[in-house]
Amino acid sequence: MNDVTRIAVEKAGGPKRVAPECGCTRQAVSKWTRVPPKHVLTVERLSGVSRHALRPDIYGPLPPHGAVTGLQMAS
C-alpha cells in the first residue's frame, strides 16, 4: 500500500472494516497499492481522507484551502 492508502484504511478501521463496505475481502483490501476507483468515495466517507489525496490521478490535486469546489453560491 502507498502511504495515503495505508493511512486511509487505518483511519477507516482497517481492512476488516473497509472490506464489507466495499464488497470485497479484507485480503483484497490489504493488497491495494492504491484505492481502486470504484471504492474511492466509500474510503473517503469511512476515513475522512479526501478523494483528491487518495487518487489525484482521477480527481486532481487537493484544491486550495477555502476553495469552493463544484458548488455555486446561491444569490
C-alpha atoms as a PDB file:
ATOM      1  CA  MET A   1       0.000   0.000   0.000  1.00  0.00           C
ATOM      2  CA  ASN A   2       1.143   3.521  -0.629  1.00  0.00           C
ATOM      3  CA  ASP A   3       1.211   5.810   2.411  1.00  0.00           C
ATOM      4  CA  VAL A   4      -2.061   7.610   1.657  1.00  0.00           C
ATOM      5  CA  THR A   5      -3.930   4.350   1.101  1.00  0.00           C
ATOM      6  CA  ARG A   6      -2.470   2.809   4.264  1.00  0.00           C
ATOM      7  CA  ILE A   7      -3.383   5.838   6.374  1.00  0.00           C
ATOM      8  CA  ALA A   8      -6.908   5.997   4.927  1.00  0.00           C
ATOM      9  CA  VAL A   9      -7.544   2.294   5.551  1.00  0.00           C
ATOM     10  CA  GLU A  10      -6.206   2.610   9.119  1.00  0.00           C
ATOM     11  CA  LYS A  11      -8.352   5.703   9.806  1.00  0.00           C
ATOM     12  CA  ALA A  12     -11.384   3.825   8.440  1.00  0.00           C
ATOM     13  CA  GLY A  13     -10.868   0.979  10.912  1.00  0.00           C
ATOM     14  CA  GLY A  14      -8.568  -1.320   8.971  1.00  0.00           C
ATOM     15  CA  PRO A  15      -9.136  -3.810   6.154  1.00  0.00           C
ATOM     16  CA  LYS A  16     -11.648  -5.751   8.256  1.00  0.00           C
ATOM     17  CA  ARG A  17     -13.926  -2.679   8.401  1.00  0.00           C
ATOM     18  CA  VAL A  18     -13.300  -1.408   4.863  1.00  0.00           C
ATOM     19  CA  ALA A  19     -13.794  -4.730   3.069  1.00  0.00           C
ATOM     20  CA  PRO A  20     -17.524  -5.283   3.731  1.00  0.00           C
ATOM     21  CA  GLU A  21     -18.272  -1.638   2.937  1.00  0.00           C
ATOM     22  CA  CYS A  22     -16.545  -2.079  -0.421  1.00  0.00           C
ATOM     23  CA  GLY A  23     -17.952  -5.550  -1.092  1.00  0.00           C
ATOM     24  CA  CYS A  24     -14.599  -7.296  -1.141  1.00  0.00           C
ATOM     25  CA  THR A  25     -12.407  -9.350   1.186  1.00  0.00           C
ATOM     26  CA  ARG A  26     -10.012  -7.907   3.740  1.00  0.00           C
ATOM     27  CA  GLN A  27      -7.232  -9.728   1.893  1.00  0.00           C
ATOM     28  CA  ALA A  28      -8.129  -7.774  -1.260  1.00  0.00           C
ATOM     29  CA  VAL A  29      -8.034  -4.502   0.684  1.00  0.00           C
ATOM     30  CA  SER A  30      -4.634  -5.446   2.117  1.00  0.00           C
ATOM     31  CA  LYS A  31      -3.290  -5.935  -1.415  1.00  0.00           C
ATOM     32  CA  TRP A  32      -4.348  -2.496  -2.676  1.00  0.00           C
ATOM     33  CA  THR A  33      -1.407  -0.385  -3.812  1.00  0.00           C
ATOM     34  CA  ARG A  34      -3.904   2.450  -4.389  1.00  0.00           C
ATOM     35  CA  VAL A  35      -7.616   2.594  -3.646  1.00  0.00           C
ATOM     36  CA  PRO A  36      -9.451   1.257  -6.720  1.00  0.00           C
ATOM     37  CA  PRO A  37     -11.506   3.961  -8.456  1.00  0.00           C
ATOM     38  CA  LYS A  38     -14.822   2.293  -7.652  1.00  0.00           C
ATOM     39  CA  HIS A  39     -14.031   2.358  -3.908  1.00  0.00           C
ATOM     40  CA  VAL A  40     -12.611   5.881  -3.544  1.00  0.00           C
ATOM     41  CA  LEU A  41     -15.831   7.537  -2.379  1.00  0.00           C
ATOM     42  CA  THR A  42     -16.518   4.786   0.156  1.00  0.00           C
ATOM     43  CA  VAL A  43     -12.994   5.018   1.588  1.00  0.00           C
ATOM     44  CA  GLU A  44     -13.282   8.812   1.668  1.00  0.00           C
ATOM     45  CA  ARG A  45     -16.557   8.535   3.621  1.00  0.00           C
ATOM     46  CA  LEU A  46     -15.159   5.979   6.076  1.00  0.00           C
ATOM     47  CA  SER A  47     -11.765   7.596   6.638  1.00  0.00           C
ATOM     48  CA  GLY A  48     -12.233  11.301   6.116  1.00  0.00           C
ATOM     49  CA  VAL A  49      -9.273  11.262   3.706  1.00  0.00           C
ATOM     50  CA  SER A  50     -10.074  13.347   0.631  1.00  0.00           C
ATOM     51  CA  ARG A  51     -10.643  11.706  -2.741  1.00  0.00           C
ATOM     52  CA  HIS A  52      -8.046  14.186  -4.072  1.00  0.00           C
ATOM     53  CA  ALA A  53      -5.435  12.745  -1.703  1.00  0.00           C
ATOM     54  CA  LEU A  54      -6.500   9.152  -2.392  1.00  0.00           C
ATOM     55  CA  ARG A  55      -6.484   9.408  -6.200  1.00  0.00           C
ATOM     56  CA  PRO A  56      -5.053  12.680  -7.546  1.00  0.00           C
ATOM     57  CA  ASP A  57      -4.704  10.953 -10.916  1.00  0.00           C
ATOM     58  CA  ILE A  58      -8.517  10.827 -11.131  1.00  0.00           C
ATOM     59  CA  TYR A  59      -9.758  13.741  -9.004  1.00  0.00           C
ATOM     60  CA  GLY A  60      -6.843  16.151  -9.430  1.00  0.00           C
ATOM     61  CA  PRO A  61      -4.722  17.678  -6.694  1.00  0.00           C
ATOM     62  CA  LEU A  62      -6.148  18.934  -3.425  1.00  0.00           C
ATOM     63  CA  PRO A  63      -7.946  22.217  -4.046  1.00  0.00           C
ATOM     64  CA  PRO A  64      -6.546  25.326  -2.315  1.00  0.00           C
ATOM     65  CA  HIS A  65      -7.687  25.753   1.278  1.00  0.00           C
ATOM     66  CA  GLY A  66     -11.039  27.526   1.361  1.00  0.00           C
ATOM     67  CA  ALA A  67     -11.791  26.936  -2.321  1.00  0.00           C
ATOM     68  CA  VAL A  68     -15.362  26.131  -3.289  1.00  0.00           C
ATOM     69  CA  THR A  69     -15.314  23.037  -5.484  1.00  0.00           C
ATOM     70  CA  GLY A  70     -18.191  22.189  -7.800  1.00  0.00           C
ATOM     71  CA  LEU A  71     -20.662  24.352  -5.898  1.00  0.00           C
ATOM     72  CA  GLN A  72     -22.344  27.562  -6.914  1.00  0.00           C
ATOM     73  CA  MET A  73     -23.295  30.025  -4.234  1.00  0.00           C
ATOM     74  CA  ALA A  74     -26.971  30.978  -4.284  1.00  0.00           C
ATOM     75  CA  SER A  75     -27.518  34.686  -4.691  1.00  0.00           C
END
